[in-house]
Every structure is written in C-alpha cells, then in structure tokens.
PDB file of N, CA and C in Angstrom:
ATOM      1  N   MET A   1      97.086 106.093  83.216  1.00  0.00           N
ATOM      2  CA  MET A   1      95.624 106.025  83.027  1.00  0.00           C
ATOM      3  C   MET A   1      95.313 106.286  81.547  1.00  0.00           C
ATOM      4  N   GLN A   2      94.278 105.586  81.087  1.00  0.00           N
ATOM      5  CA  GLN A   2      93.879 105.724  79.719  1.00  0.00           C
ATOM      6  C   GLN A   2      92.859 106.857  79.583  1.00  0.00           C
ATOM      7  N   GLU A   3      92.880 107.488  78.419  1.00  0.00           N
ATOM      8  CA  GLU A   3      91.901 108.561  78.175  1.00  0.00           C
ATOM      9  C   GLU A   3      90.671 107.993  77.498  1.00  0.00           C
ATOM     10  N   LYS A   4      89.932 107.205  78.255  1.00  0.00           N
ATOM     11  CA  LYS A   4      88.706 106.589  77.780  1.00  0.00           C
ATOM     12  C   LYS A   4      87.623 106.836  78.825  1.00  0.00           C
ATOM     13  N   PRO A   5      86.349 106.833  78.402  1.00  0.00           N
ATOM     14  CA  PRO A   5      85.254 107.062  79.365  1.00  0.00           C
ATOM     15  C   PRO A   5      85.216 105.958  80.404  1.00  0.00           C
ATOM     16  N   TYR A   6      84.763 106.294  81.609  1.00  0.00           N
ATOM     17  CA  TYR A   6      84.515 105.376  82.686  1.00  0.00           C
ATOM     18  C   TYR A   6      82.999 105.349  82.955  1.00  0.00           C
ATOM     19  N   PHE A   7      82.553 104.190  83.516  1.00  0.00           N
ATOM     20  CA  PHE A   7      81.190 104.093  83.984  1.00  0.00           C
ATOM     21  C   PHE A   7      81.229 103.070  85.108  1.00  0.00           C
ATOM     22  N   CYS A   8      80.751 103.488  86.318  1.00  0.00           N
ATOM     23  CA  CYS A   8      80.818 102.595  87.500  1.00  0.00           C
ATOM     24  C   CYS A   8      79.983 101.354  87.298  1.00  0.00           C
ATOM     25  N   PRO A   9      80.596 100.132  87.370  1.00  0.00           N
ATOM     26  CA  PRO A   9      79.789  98.922  87.209  1.00  0.00           C
ATOM     27  C   PRO A   9      78.973  98.581  88.434  1.00  0.00           C
ATOM     28  N   ASN A  10      79.164  99.255  89.533  1.00  0.00           N
ATOM     29  CA  ASN A  10      78.451  98.953  90.748  1.00  0.00           C
ATOM     30  C   ASN A  10      77.139  99.835  90.820  1.00  0.00           C
ATOM     31  N   CYS A  11      77.299 101.152  90.952  1.00  0.00           N
ATOM     32  CA  CYS A  11      76.103 101.979  91.104  1.00  0.00           C
ATOM     33  C   CYS A  11      75.426 102.310  89.774  1.00  0.00           C
ATOM     34  N   ARG A  12      76.166 102.188  88.688  1.00  0.00           N
ATOM     35  CA  ARG A  12      75.707 102.403  87.330  1.00  0.00           C
ATOM     36  C   ARG A  12      75.021 103.763  87.156  1.00  0.00           C
ATOM     37  N   SER A  13      75.539 104.777  87.853  1.00  0.00           N
ATOM     38  CA  SER A  13      75.029 106.140  87.705  1.00  0.00           C
ATOM     39  C   SER A  13      76.181 107.105  87.452  1.00  0.00           C
ATOM     40  N   ASN A  14      77.407 106.790  87.870  1.00  0.00           N
ATOM     41  CA  ASN A  14      78.462 107.759  87.850  1.00  0.00           C
ATOM     42  C   ASN A  14      79.337 107.525  86.592  1.00  0.00           C
ATOM     43  N   ARG A  15      79.573 108.640  85.910  1.00  0.00           N
ATOM     44  CA  ARG A  15      80.437 108.650  84.774  1.00  0.00           C
ATOM     45  C   ARG A  15      81.514 109.702  84.899  1.00  0.00           C
ATOM     46  N   VAL A  16      81.523 110.509  85.928  1.00  0.00           N
ATOM     47  CA  VAL A  16      82.448 111.636  86.054  1.00  0.00           C
ATOM     48  C   VAL A  16      83.227 111.747  87.304  1.00  0.00           C
ATOM     49  N   LYS A  17      82.804 111.205  88.430  1.00  0.00           N
ATOM     50  CA  LYS A  17      83.496 111.423  89.731  1.00  0.00           C
ATOM     51  C   LYS A  17      84.262 110.175  90.129  1.00  0.00           C
ATOM     52  N   PHE A  18      85.579 110.238  90.005  1.00  0.00           N
ATOM     53  CA  PHE A  18      86.410 109.080  90.320  1.00  0.00           C
ATOM     54  C   PHE A  18      87.700 109.566  90.985  1.00  0.00           C
ATOM     55  N   SER A  19      88.414 108.650  91.670  1.00  0.00           N
ATOM     56  CA  SER A  19      89.709 108.976  92.183  1.00  0.00           C
ATOM     57  C   SER A  19      90.653 107.768  91.886  1.00  0.00           C
ATOM     58  N   VAL A  20      91.948 108.041  91.790  1.00  0.00           N
ATOM     59  CA  VAL A  20      92.938 107.006  91.593  1.00  0.00           C
ATOM     60  C   VAL A  20      93.512 106.685  92.953  1.00  0.00           C
ATOM     61  N   ILE A  21      93.581 105.367  93.242  1.00  0.00           N
ATOM     62  CA  ILE A  21      94.136 104.927  94.524  1.00  0.00           C
ATOM     63  C   ILE A  21      95.559 104.405  94.298  1.00  0.00           C
ATOM     64  N   SER A  22      96.481 104.996  95.001  1.00  0.00           N
ATOM     65  CA  SER A  22      97.881 104.573  94.870  1.00  0.00           C
ATOM     66  C   SER A  22      98.339 104.058  96.250  1.00  0.00           C
ATOM     67  N   SER A  23      99.348 103.151  96.218  1.00  0.00           N
ATOM     68  CA  SER A  23      99.837 102.578  97.425  1.00  0.00           C
ATOM     69  C   SER A  23     101.273 102.982  97.733  1.00  0.00           C
ATOM     70  N   ILE A  24     101.611 103.039  98.977  1.00  0.00           N
ATOM     71  CA  ILE A  24     102.985 103.318  99.390  1.00  0.00           C
ATOM     72  C   ILE A  24     103.454 102.199 100.334  1.00  0.00           C
ATOM     73  N   SER A  25     104.751 102.067 100.428  1.00  0.00           N
ATOM     74  CA  SER A  25     105.350 101.125 101.346  1.00  0.00           C
ATOM     75  C   SER A  25     106.253 101.940 102.262  1.00  0.00           C
ATOM     76  N   GLN A  26     106.113 101.722 103.611  1.00  0.00           N
ATOM     77  CA  GLN A  26     106.943 102.410 104.556  1.00  0.00           C
ATOM     78  C   GLN A  26     107.369 101.444 105.666  1.00  0.00           C
ATOM     79  N   PRO A  27     108.643 101.035 105.678  1.00  0.00           N
ATOM     80  CA  PRO A  27     109.070 100.078 106.727  1.00  0.00           C
ATOM     81  C   PRO A  27     109.178 100.797 108.067  1.00  0.00           C
ATOM     82  N   PHE A  28     108.887 100.022 109.136  1.00  0.00           N
ATOM     83  CA  PHE A  28     109.049 100.595 110.510  1.00  0.00           C
ATOM     84  C   PHE A  28     109.318  99.430 111.499  1.00  0.00           C
ATOM     85  N   LEU A  29     109.901  99.770 112.666  1.00  0.00           N
ATOM     86  CA  LEU A  29     110.129  98.819 113.735  1.00  0.00           C
ATOM     87  C   LEU A  29     109.380  99.300 114.950  1.00  0.00           C
ATOM     88  N   LYS A  30     108.823  98.345 115.703  1.00  0.00           N
ATOM     89  CA  LYS A  30     108.025  98.611 116.924  1.00  0.00           C
ATOM     90  C   LYS A  30     108.663  97.886 118.083  1.00  0.00           C
ATOM     91  N   ASP A  31     108.559  98.466 119.257  1.00  0.00           N
ATOM     92  CA  ASP A  31     108.941  97.781 120.460  1.00  0.00           C
ATOM     93  C   ASP A  31     107.912  96.669 120.718  1.00  0.00           C
ATOM     94  N   ALA A  32     108.423  95.455 120.973  1.00  0.00           N
ATOM     95  CA  ALA A  32     107.510  94.321 121.133  1.00  0.00           C
ATOM     96  C   ALA A  32     106.625  94.366 122.416  1.00  0.00           C
ATOM     97  N   VAL A  33     107.115  95.106 123.423  1.00  0.00           N
ATOM     98  CA  VAL A  33     106.362  95.150 124.675  1.00  0.00           C
ATOM     99  C   VAL A  33     105.419  96.353 124.729  1.00  0.00           C
ATOM    100  N   THR A  34     105.950  97.554 124.391  1.00  0.00           N
ATOM    101  CA  THR A  34     105.135  98.762 124.520  1.00  0.00           C
ATOM    102  C   THR A  34     104.373  99.128 123.246  1.00  0.00           C
ATOM    103  N   GLY A  35     104.827  98.651 122.076  1.00  0.00           N
ATOM    104  CA  GLY A  35     104.187  98.994 120.859  1.00  0.00           C
ATOM    105  C   GLY A  35     104.583 100.391 120.300  1.00  0.00           C
ATOM    106  N   VAL A  36     105.615 101.028 120.922  1.00  0.00           N
ATOM    107  CA  VAL A  36     106.080 102.266 120.482  1.00  0.00           C
ATOM    108  C   VAL A  36     106.948 102.138 119.212  1.00  0.00           C
ATOM    109  N   LEU A  37     106.754 103.077 118.241  1.00  0.00           N
ATOM    110  CA  LEU A  37     107.606 103.038 117.066  1.00  0.00           C
ATOM    111  C   LEU A  37     109.056 103.380 117.451  1.00  0.00           C
ATOM    112  N   THR A  38     110.001 102.551 117.048  1.00  0.00           N
ATOM    113  CA  THR A  38     111.383 102.803 117.382  1.00  0.00           C
ATOM    114  C   THR A  38     112.150 103.283 116.175  1.00  0.00           C
ATOM    115  N   GLU A  39     111.700 102.937 114.957  1.00  0.00           N
ATOM    116  CA  GLU A  39     112.395 103.379 113.752  1.00  0.00           C
ATOM    117  C   GLU A  39     111.413 103.400 112.603  1.00  0.00           C
ATOM    118  N   VAL A  40     111.470 104.491 111.825  1.00  0.00           N
ATOM    119  CA  VAL A  40     110.575 104.641 110.664  1.00  0.00           C
ATOM    120  C   VAL A  40     111.403 104.892 109.410  1.00  0.00           C
ATOM    121  N   GLY A  41     111.201 104.132 108.374  1.00  0.00           N
ATOM    122  CA  GLY A  41     111.936 104.303 107.113  1.00  0.00           C
ATOM    123  C   GLY A  41     111.298 105.254 106.149  1.00  0.00           C
ATOM    124  N   GLU A  42     111.899 105.379 104.988  1.00  0.00           N
ATOM    125  CA  GLU A  42     111.384 106.269 103.957  1.00  0.00           C
ATOM    126  C   GLU A  42     110.170 105.641 103.254  1.00  0.00           C
ATOM    127  N   GLN A  43     109.238 106.492 102.829  1.00  0.00           N
ATOM    128  CA  GLN A  43     108.081 106.017 102.072  1.00  0.00           C
ATOM    129  C   GLN A  43     108.523 105.773 100.635  1.00  0.00           C
ATOM    130  N   GLU A  44     108.058 104.655 100.063  1.00  0.00           N
ATOM    131  CA  GLU A  44     108.363 104.297  98.665  1.00  0.00           C
ATOM    132  C   GLU A  44     107.043 104.001  97.970  1.00  0.00           C
ATOM    133  N   PRO A  45     106.771 104.662  96.832  1.00  0.00           N
ATOM    134  CA  PRO A  45     105.557 104.341  96.108  1.00  0.00           C
ATOM    135  C   PRO A  45     105.642 102.947  95.481  1.00  0.00           C
ATOM    136  N   LEU A  46     104.551 102.226  95.512  1.00  0.00           N
ATOM    137  CA  LEU A  46     104.412 100.934  94.872  1.00  0.00           C
ATOM    138  C   LEU A  46     103.885 101.102  93.508  1.00  0.00           C
ATOM    139  N   THR A  47     104.484 100.501  92.517  1.00  0.00           N
ATOM    140  CA  THR A  47     104.010 100.651  91.150  1.00  0.00           C
ATOM    141  C   THR A  47     103.043  99.468  90.811  1.00  0.00           C
ATOM    142  N   ASP A  48     101.894  99.832  90.314  1.00  0.00           N
ATOM    143  CA  ASP A  48     100.900  98.868  89.941  1.00  0.00           C
ATOM    144  C   ASP A  48     100.937  98.735  88.410  1.00  0.00           C
ATOM    145  N   THR A  49     100.599  97.573  87.879  1.00  0.00           N
ATOM    146  CA  THR A  49     100.571  97.434  86.422  1.00  0.00           C
ATOM    147  C   THR A  49      99.359  98.170  85.849  1.00  0.00           C
ATOM    148  N   GLU A  50      98.266  98.225  86.606  1.00  0.00           N
ATOM    149  CA  GLU A  50      97.102  98.960  86.219  1.00  0.00           C
ATOM    150  C   GLU A  50      96.534  99.740  87.377  1.00  0.00           C
ATOM    151  N   PRO A  51      96.131 100.971  87.178  1.00  0.00           N
ATOM    152  CA  PRO A  51      95.707 101.794  88.302  1.00  0.00           C
ATOM    153  C   PRO A  51      94.397 101.259  88.884  1.00  0.00           C
ATOM    154  N   THR A  52      94.254 101.496  90.184  1.00  0.00           N
ATOM    155  CA  THR A  52      93.022 101.162  90.835  1.00  0.00           C
ATOM    156  C   THR A  52      92.132 102.450  90.913  1.00  0.00           C
ATOM    157  N   ILE A  53      90.922 102.331  90.462  1.00  0.00           N
ATOM    158  CA  ILE A  53      90.026 103.474  90.365  1.00  0.00           C
ATOM    159  C   ILE A  53      88.902 103.267  91.407  1.00  0.00           C
ATOM    160  N   GLN A  54      88.482 104.401  92.029  1.00  0.00           N
ATOM    161  CA  GLN A  54      87.401 104.361  92.995  1.00  0.00           C
ATOM    162  C   GLN A  54      86.304 105.316  92.559  1.00  0.00           C
ATOM    163  N   CYS A  55      85.049 104.802  92.585  1.00  0.00           N
ATOM    164  CA  CYS A  55      83.900 105.634  92.280  1.00  0.00           C
ATOM    165  C   CYS A  55      83.615 106.541  93.512  1.00  0.00           C
ATOM    166  N   LEU A  56      83.494 107.825  93.266  1.00  0.00           N
ATOM    167  CA  LEU A  56      83.267 108.728  94.396  1.00  0.00           C
ATOM    168  C   LEU A  56      81.782 108.868  94.740  1.00  0.00           C
ATOM    169  N   VAL A  57      80.906 108.127  94.077  1.00  0.00           N
ATOM    170  CA  VAL A  57      79.507 108.130  94.402  1.00  0.00           C
ATOM    171  C   VAL A  57      79.189 106.973  95.350  1.00  0.00           C
ATOM    172  N   CYS A  58      79.698 105.745  95.023  1.00  0.00           N
ATOM    173  CA  CYS A  58      79.349 104.593  95.844  1.00  0.00           C
ATOM    174  C   CYS A  58      80.597 103.948  96.539  1.00  0.00           C
ATOM    175  N   SER A  59      81.749 104.509  96.267  1.00  0.00           N
ATOM    176  CA  SER A  59      83.033 104.042  96.911  1.00  0.00           C
ATOM    177  C   SER A  59      83.496 102.697  96.393  1.00  0.00           C
ATOM    178  N   PHE A  60      82.929 102.193  95.347  1.00  0.00           N
ATOM    179  CA  PHE A  60      83.356 100.922  94.727  1.00  0.00           C
ATOM    180  C   PHE A  60      84.740 101.172  94.125  1.00  0.00           C
ATOM    181  N   SER A  61      85.677 100.203  94.268  1.00  0.00           N
ATOM    182  CA  SER A  61      87.009 100.318  93.670  1.00  0.00           C
ATOM    183  C   SER A  61      87.336  99.039  92.951  1.00  0.00           C
ATOM    184  N   ALA A  62      87.987  99.206  91.797  1.00  0.00           N
ATOM    185  CA  ALA A  62      88.416  98.035  90.986  1.00  0.00           C
ATOM    186  C   ALA A  62      89.507  98.544  90.018  1.00  0.00           C
ATOM    187  N   ASN A  63      90.024  97.636  89.225  1.00  0.00           N
ATOM    188  CA  ASN A  63      91.045  98.066  88.281  1.00  0.00           C
ATOM    189  C   ASN A  63      90.395  98.912  87.188  1.00  0.00           C
ATOM    190  N   GLU A  64      91.230  99.709  86.493  1.00  0.00           N
ATOM    191  CA  GLU A  64      90.716 100.658  85.557  1.00  0.00           C
ATOM    192  C   GLU A  64      89.980 100.048  84.386  1.00  0.00           C
ATOM    193  N   LEU A  65      90.418  98.870  83.932  1.00  0.00           N
ATOM    194  CA  LEU A  65      89.788  98.216  82.797  1.00  0.00           C
ATOM    195  C   LEU A  65      88.381  97.860  83.073  1.00  0.00           C
ATOM    196  N   ARG A  66      88.008  97.581  84.317  1.00  0.00           N
ATOM    197  CA  ARG A  66      86.616  97.247  84.641  1.00  0.00           C
ATOM    198  C   ARG A  66      85.684  98.428  84.386  1.00  0.00           C
ATOM    199  N   PHE A  67      86.138  99.620  84.790  1.00  0.00           N
ATOM    200  CA  PHE A  67      85.312 100.869  84.531  1.00  0.00           C
ATOM    201  C   PHE A  67      85.227 101.166  83.029  1.00  0.00           C
ATOM    202  N   ILE A  68      86.362 100.998  82.304  1.00  0.00           N
ATOM    203  CA  ILE A  68      86.363 101.206  80.875  1.00  0.00           C
ATOM    204  C   ILE A  68      85.396 100.239  80.136  1.00  0.00           C
ATOM    205  N   LYS A  69      85.477  98.981  80.459  1.00  0.00           N
ATOM    206  CA  LYS A  69      84.644  97.995  79.785  1.00  0.00           C
ATOM    207  C   LYS A  69      83.183  98.247  80.075  1.00  0.00           C
ATOM    208  N   GLN A  70      82.846  98.684  81.231  1.00  0.00           N
ATOM    209  CA  GLN A  70      81.456  99.005  81.562  1.00  0.00           C
ATOM    210  C   GLN A  70      80.963 100.183  80.731  1.00  0.00           C
ATOM    211  N   ALA A  71      81.810 101.151  80.502  1.00  0.00           N
ATOM    212  CA  ALA A  71      81.429 102.320  79.689  1.00  0.00           C
ATOM    213  C   ALA A  71      81.277 101.904  78.232  1.00  0.00           C
ATOM    214  N   GLU A  72      82.071 100.923  77.772  1.00  0.00           N
ATOM    215  CA  GLU A  72      81.948 100.411  76.387  1.00  0.00           C
ATOM    216  C   GLU A  72      80.640  99.620  76.243  1.00  0.00           C
ATOM    217  N   ARG A  73      80.260  98.880  77.253  1.00  0.00           N
ATOM    218  CA  ARG A  73      79.016  98.090  77.177  1.00  0.00           C
ATOM    219  C   ARG A  73      77.758  98.958  77.223  1.00  0.00           C
ATOM    220  N   GLU A  74      77.863 100.099  77.949  1.00  0.00           N
ATOM    221  CA  GLU A  74      76.706 100.971  78.065  1.00  0.00           C
ATOM    222  C   GLU A  74      77.129 102.398  77.753  1.00  0.00           C
ATOM    223  N   PRO A  75      77.225 102.708  76.461  1.00  0.00           N
ATOM    224  CA  PRO A  75      77.626 104.091  76.049  1.00  0.00           C
ATOM    225  C   PRO A  75      76.533 105.059  76.366  1.00  0.00           C
ATOM    226  N   ARG A  76      76.940 106.327  76.511  1.00  0.00           N
ATOM    227  CA  ARG A  76      75.952 107.412  76.820  1.00  0.00           C
ATOM    228  C   ARG A  76      74.996 107.527  75.704  1.00  0.00           C
ATOM    229  N   ALA A  77      73.757 107.950  76.035  1.00  0.00           N
ATOM    230  CA  ALA A  77      72.714 108.144  75.017  1.00  0.00           C
ATOM    231  C   ALA A  77      73.184 109.328  74.131  1.00  0.00           C
ATOM    232  N   GLY A  78      72.981 109.194  72.849  1.00  0.00           N
ATOM    233  CA  GLY A  78      73.373 110.204  71.905  1.00  0.00           C
ATOM    234  C   GLY A  78      74.794 110.103  71.439  1.00  0.00           C
ATOM    235  N   GLN A  79      75.561 109.195  71.986  1.00  0.00           N
ATOM    236  CA  GLN A  79      76.960 108.953  71.618  1.00  0.00           C
ATOM    237  C   GLN A  79      76.994 107.986  70.438  1.00  0.00           C
ATOM    238  N   PRO A  80      77.711 108.290  69.383  1.00  0.00           N
ATOM    239  CA  PRO A  80      77.736 107.386  68.269  1.00  0.00           C
ATOM    240  C   PRO A  80      78.414 106.090  68.637  1.00  0.00           C
ATOM    241  N   LEU A  81      77.876 104.964  68.189  1.00  0.00           N
ATOM    242  CA  LEU A  81      78.406 103.667  68.450  1.00  0.00           C
ATOM    243  C   LEU A  81      79.409 103.301  67.390  1.00  0.00           C
ATOM    244  N   PRO A  82      80.556 102.691  67.732  1.00  0.00           N
ATOM    245  CA  PRO A  82      81.485 102.268  66.673  1.00  0.00           C
ATOM    246  C   PRO A  82      80.856 101.151  65.907  1.00  0.00           C
ATOM    247  N   PRO A  83      81.190 101.086  64.594  1.00  0.00           N
ATOM    248  CA  PRO A  83      80.567 100.021  63.765  1.00  0.00           C
ATOM    249  C   PRO A  83      80.993  98.630  64.268  1.00  0.00           C
ATOM    250  N   SER A  84      80.042  97.682  64.206  1.00  0.00           N
ATOM    251  CA  SER A  84      80.327  96.351  64.697  1.00  0.00           C
ATOM    252  C   SER A  84      80.877  95.445  63.558  1.00  0.00           C
ATOM    253  N   TYR A  85      80.857  95.937  62.365  1.00  0.00           N
ATOM    254  CA  TYR A  85      81.421  95.191  61.229  1.00  0.00           C
ATOM    255  C   TYR A  85      82.782  95.695  60.890  1.00  0.00           C
ATOM    256  N   GLN A  86      83.635  94.819  60.347  1.00  0.00           N
ATOM    257  CA  GLN A  86      84.969  95.223  59.925  1.00  0.00           C
ATOM    258  C   GLN A  86      85.543  94.289  58.953  1.00  0.00           C
TER     259      GLN A  86
END
C-alpha cells in the first residue's frame, strides 16, 4: 500500500476509514450426492498486483489507485497544492 491520501470516489465524504480486502484460495472436495465436504486443503493467500480498498462509510471497493487519484483531484481545504508548472 502506498502512503498517500485516499478519498472515496463514491460517497465523496470519507478520507480516513478504509479497509484492505485480501483474497485466499482453499481447495476442497464435496460429495456429489450429499454435498458434504470430504476433503479440505490448506489456505493460500492470493497475491494481487494492487490492493483492493473498501470505504468503510459506503462499502464501495476498488483498486487503491482509484482512491489515490480521487484524493489528488480533490485535495483537502487548506492543503497546499503542488505547483502545476515544471
């Protein structure tokens, strides 16, 4: 995760309450007739190229870059803007 500000592009009110969503893979076998689990394998974390972030105010989830770009488009009031010339 990057150490940059986030801003929810959906509710446009949250800048502080977020969670990271991670995925796991766990193989298993089921009985075709009864549906009973017959074998359960080890859990393995799935690695994502970019973390998925969820807003804890409106439950919107997207990749991290979407939250970062929204924060860059709408910086907090009183926050100095980076110069647009270079």
